[in-house]
Amino acid sequence: MASLVADKANENPSTLKSKRRKFSDEYLAYGFTSTNLNGQERPQCVICYEVLSNESMKPAKLRRHLETKHKDLVRNHNPFSKLKPRN
């Protein structure tokens, strides 16, 4: 038992497996699709084709990208708000 605790204490945080978010079809409303980069699923903006990190695959961060990088589209109307995923 003590060796198990010692093993956990010696682990480097970078060697621990991090949680990966999965793409959701609701992210289309923010103008993002999914792409696979180096075996990792990542969000890609359909306007500027920028690929964000997996940690950015949160609705708030996707919305922030849309509002800061593409202000002109959001100001007039959000063209992605009416997109529905294909069944």
N, C-alpha and C. Protein backbone atom coordinates (compact mmCIF):
# COMPACT_ATOMS: atom_id res chain seq x y z
N MET A 1 0.83 -1.19 0.00
CA MET A 1 0.00 0.00 0.00
C MET A 1 0.87 1.26 0.00
N ALA A 2 1.93 1.24 0.80
CA ALA A 2 2.82 2.40 0.89
C ALA A 2 3.54 2.64 -0.43
N SER A 3 3.89 1.56 -1.13
CA SER A 3 4.56 1.73 -2.42
C SER A 3 3.63 2.32 -3.46
N LEU A 4 2.34 2.00 -3.38
CA LEU A 4 1.35 2.56 -4.30
C LEU A 4 1.24 4.07 -4.09
N VAL A 5 1.21 4.49 -2.84
CA VAL A 5 1.14 5.92 -2.52
C VAL A 5 2.41 6.62 -2.99
N ALA A 6 3.56 5.99 -2.79
CA ALA A 6 4.83 6.58 -3.23
C ALA A 6 4.88 6.69 -4.75
N ASP A 7 4.34 5.68 -5.45
CA ASP A 7 4.30 5.74 -6.91
C ASP A 7 3.45 6.90 -7.39
N LYS A 8 2.31 7.11 -6.76
CA LYS A 8 1.42 8.22 -7.14
C LYS A 8 2.10 9.56 -6.88
N ALA A 9 2.83 9.67 -5.78
CA ALA A 9 3.49 10.91 -5.43
C ALA A 9 4.63 11.23 -6.40
N ASN A 10 5.24 10.21 -6.98
CA ASN A 10 6.36 10.42 -7.91
C ASN A 10 5.92 10.68 -9.33
N GLU A 11 4.64 10.53 -9.62
CA GLU A 11 4.17 10.73 -10.99
C GLU A 11 4.26 12.20 -11.36
N ASN A 12 4.71 12.44 -12.54
CA ASN A 12 4.79 13.79 -13.08
C ASN A 12 3.41 14.18 -13.60
N PRO A 13 2.90 15.38 -13.28
CA PRO A 13 1.57 15.77 -13.77
C PRO A 13 1.45 15.72 -15.30
N SER A 14 2.56 15.90 -16.00
CA SER A 14 2.49 15.87 -17.46
C SER A 14 2.30 14.45 -17.99
N THR A 15 2.60 13.45 -17.17
CA THR A 15 2.41 12.06 -17.62
C THR A 15 0.99 11.57 -17.36
N LEU A 16 0.24 12.28 -16.54
CA LEU A 16 -1.13 11.88 -16.28
C LEU A 16 -1.98 12.15 -17.52
N LYS A 17 -2.90 11.27 -17.79
CA LYS A 17 -3.75 11.42 -18.96
C LYS A 17 -4.77 12.53 -18.70
N SER A 18 -4.83 13.49 -19.58
CA SER A 18 -5.77 14.58 -19.40
C SER A 18 -7.11 14.22 -20.04
N LYS A 19 -8.14 14.84 -19.53
CA LYS A 19 -9.49 14.59 -20.04
C LYS A 19 -9.66 15.31 -21.37
N ARG A 20 -10.16 14.63 -22.35
CA ARG A 20 -10.39 15.21 -23.67
C ARG A 20 -11.88 15.42 -23.87
N ARG A 21 -12.23 16.58 -24.35
CA ARG A 21 -13.63 16.87 -24.65
C ARG A 21 -13.99 16.28 -26.01
N LYS A 22 -15.24 15.93 -26.16
CA LYS A 22 -15.76 15.40 -27.42
C LYS A 22 -16.56 16.49 -28.12
N PHE A 23 -16.52 16.48 -29.44
CA PHE A 23 -17.26 17.46 -30.22
C PHE A 23 -18.75 17.18 -30.12
N SER A 24 -19.52 18.22 -29.99
CA SER A 24 -20.97 18.11 -29.93
C SER A 24 -21.56 18.88 -31.12
N ASP A 25 -22.64 18.37 -31.69
CA ASP A 25 -23.27 19.03 -32.84
C ASP A 25 -23.79 20.43 -32.50
N GLU A 26 -24.00 20.71 -31.22
CA GLU A 26 -24.47 22.05 -30.85
C GLU A 26 -23.39 23.11 -31.09
N TYR A 27 -22.13 22.71 -31.27
CA TYR A 27 -21.05 23.65 -31.53
C TYR A 27 -21.18 24.26 -32.93
N LEU A 28 -22.00 23.69 -33.79
CA LEU A 28 -22.27 24.28 -35.10
C LEU A 28 -22.91 25.66 -34.95
N ALA A 29 -23.67 25.85 -33.88
CA ALA A 29 -24.32 27.13 -33.63
C ALA A 29 -23.30 28.24 -33.39
N TYR A 30 -22.08 27.88 -33.01
CA TYR A 30 -21.02 28.85 -32.79
C TYR A 30 -20.08 28.93 -33.99
N GLY A 31 -20.37 28.21 -35.05
CA GLY A 31 -19.56 28.27 -36.26
C GLY A 31 -18.35 27.36 -36.23
N PHE A 32 -18.45 26.25 -35.52
CA PHE A 32 -17.33 25.33 -35.42
C PHE A 32 -17.71 23.94 -35.88
N THR A 33 -16.75 23.30 -36.51
CA THR A 33 -16.85 21.90 -36.88
C THR A 33 -15.69 21.19 -36.20
N SER A 34 -15.60 19.91 -36.39
CA SER A 34 -14.55 19.14 -35.74
C SER A 34 -13.50 18.71 -36.76
N THR A 35 -12.25 18.70 -36.33
CA THR A 35 -11.17 18.20 -37.16
C THR A 35 -10.28 17.32 -36.29
N ASN A 36 -9.55 16.43 -36.92
CA ASN A 36 -8.66 15.54 -36.19
C ASN A 36 -7.23 15.97 -36.48
N LEU A 37 -6.52 16.37 -35.44
CA LEU A 37 -5.14 16.85 -35.58
C LEU A 37 -4.26 16.05 -34.63
N ASN A 38 -3.32 15.30 -35.20
CA ASN A 38 -2.42 14.46 -34.40
C ASN A 38 -3.17 13.49 -33.49
N GLY A 39 -4.25 12.94 -33.99
CA GLY A 39 -5.03 11.97 -33.23
C GLY A 39 -5.93 12.57 -32.18
N GLN A 40 -6.06 13.90 -32.14
CA GLN A 40 -6.91 14.56 -31.17
C GLN A 40 -8.04 15.30 -31.89
N GLU A 41 -9.24 15.16 -31.38
CA GLU A 41 -10.37 15.88 -31.94
C GLU A 41 -10.32 17.32 -31.44
N ARG A 42 -10.36 18.29 -32.39
CA ARG A 42 -10.26 19.70 -32.05
C ARG A 42 -11.31 20.51 -32.80
N PRO A 43 -11.75 21.64 -32.23
CA PRO A 43 -12.70 22.50 -32.93
C PRO A 43 -12.02 23.34 -34.00
N GLN A 44 -12.69 23.49 -35.15
CA GLN A 44 -12.16 24.31 -36.24
C GLN A 44 -13.23 25.31 -36.66
N CYS A 45 -12.86 26.58 -36.70
CA CYS A 45 -13.78 27.64 -37.12
C CYS A 45 -14.06 27.49 -38.61
N VAL A 46 -15.34 27.56 -38.99
CA VAL A 46 -15.69 27.42 -40.41
C VAL A 46 -15.51 28.73 -41.17
N ILE A 47 -15.24 29.82 -40.46
CA ILE A 47 -15.05 31.11 -41.11
C ILE A 47 -13.58 31.34 -41.44
N CYS A 48 -12.71 31.21 -40.43
CA CYS A 48 -11.29 31.50 -40.63
C CYS A 48 -10.43 30.24 -40.65
N TYR A 49 -11.04 29.09 -40.42
CA TYR A 49 -10.37 27.78 -40.44
C TYR A 49 -9.33 27.63 -39.34
N GLU A 50 -9.38 28.47 -38.33
CA GLU A 50 -8.46 28.34 -37.20
C GLU A 50 -8.82 27.11 -36.39
N VAL A 51 -7.81 26.32 -36.05
CA VAL A 51 -8.01 25.13 -35.23
C VAL A 51 -7.61 25.49 -33.80
N LEU A 52 -8.55 25.33 -32.88
CA LEU A 52 -8.30 25.66 -31.48
C LEU A 52 -7.88 24.41 -30.72
N SER A 53 -7.43 24.60 -29.51
CA SER A 53 -7.03 23.47 -28.68
C SER A 53 -8.25 22.71 -28.20
N ASN A 54 -8.02 21.49 -27.75
CA ASN A 54 -9.11 20.67 -27.23
C ASN A 54 -9.73 21.33 -26.00
N GLU A 55 -8.93 22.04 -25.22
CA GLU A 55 -9.45 22.71 -24.03
C GLU A 55 -10.43 23.82 -24.40
N SER A 56 -10.36 24.31 -25.63
CA SER A 56 -11.27 25.36 -26.09
C SER A 56 -12.60 24.81 -26.56
N MET A 57 -12.80 23.52 -26.47
CA MET A 57 -14.03 22.91 -26.94
C MET A 57 -15.11 23.01 -25.84
N LYS A 58 -15.36 24.26 -25.45
CA LYS A 58 -16.39 24.59 -24.49
C LYS A 58 -17.24 25.67 -25.13
N PRO A 59 -18.55 25.62 -24.97
CA PRO A 59 -19.40 26.63 -25.62
C PRO A 59 -18.98 28.07 -25.34
N ALA A 60 -18.59 28.38 -24.12
CA ALA A 60 -18.20 29.76 -23.79
C ALA A 60 -16.96 30.20 -24.57
N LYS A 61 -16.00 29.31 -24.72
CA LYS A 61 -14.78 29.67 -25.45
C LYS A 61 -15.01 29.73 -26.95
N LEU A 62 -15.89 28.88 -27.46
CA LEU A 62 -16.23 28.94 -28.89
C LEU A 62 -16.98 30.24 -29.18
N ARG A 63 -17.91 30.61 -28.29
CA ARG A 63 -18.67 31.85 -28.45
C ARG A 63 -17.72 33.05 -28.38
N ARG A 64 -16.75 33.00 -27.48
CA ARG A 64 -15.79 34.10 -27.36
C ARG A 64 -14.99 34.28 -28.65
N HIS A 65 -14.58 33.16 -29.27
CA HIS A 65 -13.85 33.25 -30.55
C HIS A 65 -14.73 33.93 -31.59
N LEU A 66 -15.98 33.51 -31.69
CA LEU A 66 -16.89 34.07 -32.67
C LEU A 66 -17.11 35.57 -32.43
N GLU A 67 -17.27 35.96 -31.17
CA GLU A 67 -17.55 37.35 -30.84
C GLU A 67 -16.32 38.26 -30.96
N THR A 68 -15.12 37.72 -30.76
CA THR A 68 -13.93 38.56 -30.83
C THR A 68 -13.30 38.57 -32.21
N LYS A 69 -13.27 37.46 -32.89
CA LYS A 69 -12.61 37.37 -34.20
C LYS A 69 -13.55 37.72 -35.35
N HIS A 70 -14.84 37.55 -35.15
CA HIS A 70 -15.81 37.75 -36.24
C HIS A 70 -16.95 38.64 -35.76
N LYS A 71 -16.59 39.81 -35.22
CA LYS A 71 -17.57 40.75 -34.67
C LYS A 71 -18.63 41.16 -35.68
N ASP A 72 -18.19 41.37 -36.91
CA ASP A 72 -19.13 41.84 -37.94
C ASP A 72 -20.24 40.83 -38.19
N LEU A 73 -19.97 39.56 -38.11
CA LEU A 73 -21.01 38.55 -38.31
C LEU A 73 -21.96 38.47 -37.13
N VAL A 74 -21.43 38.63 -35.94
CA VAL A 74 -22.27 38.54 -34.75
C VAL A 74 -23.12 39.79 -34.59
N ARG A 75 -22.55 40.95 -34.94
CA ARG A 75 -23.26 42.21 -34.78
C ARG A 75 -24.53 42.24 -35.63
N ASN A 76 -24.43 41.82 -36.88
CA ASN A 76 -25.60 41.85 -37.76
C ASN A 76 -26.58 40.75 -37.40
N HIS A 77 -26.12 39.56 -37.37
CA HIS A 77 -26.90 38.39 -36.96
C HIS A 77 -25.95 37.20 -36.92
N ASN A 78 -26.34 36.21 -36.22
CA ASN A 78 -25.51 35.01 -36.13
C ASN A 78 -26.01 34.00 -37.14
N PRO A 79 -25.30 33.84 -38.26
CA PRO A 79 -25.77 32.92 -39.30
C PRO A 79 -25.74 31.46 -38.87
N PHE A 80 -25.02 31.16 -37.82
CA PHE A 80 -24.89 29.78 -37.39
C PHE A 80 -25.96 29.36 -36.40
N SER A 81 -26.73 30.30 -35.89
CA SER A 81 -27.72 29.97 -34.88
C SER A 81 -28.84 29.09 -35.42
N LYS A 82 -29.04 29.10 -36.75
CA LYS A 82 -30.11 28.32 -37.34
C LYS A 82 -29.65 26.98 -37.89
N LEU A 83 -28.35 26.69 -37.80
CA LEU A 83 -27.84 25.43 -38.31
C LEU A 83 -28.27 24.27 -37.43
N LYS A 84 -28.69 23.23 -38.05
CA LYS A 84 -29.07 22.02 -37.34
C LYS A 84 -28.18 20.89 -37.81
N PRO A 85 -27.80 19.98 -36.91
CA PRO A 85 -26.99 18.83 -37.33
C PRO A 85 -27.79 17.91 -38.23
N ARG A 86 -27.08 17.27 -39.16
CA ARG A 86 -27.74 16.30 -40.04
C ARG A 86 -28.01 15.03 -39.28
N ASN A 87 -29.14 14.44 -39.55
CA ASN A 87 -29.47 13.16 -38.89
C ASN A 87 -29.05 12.00 -39.71
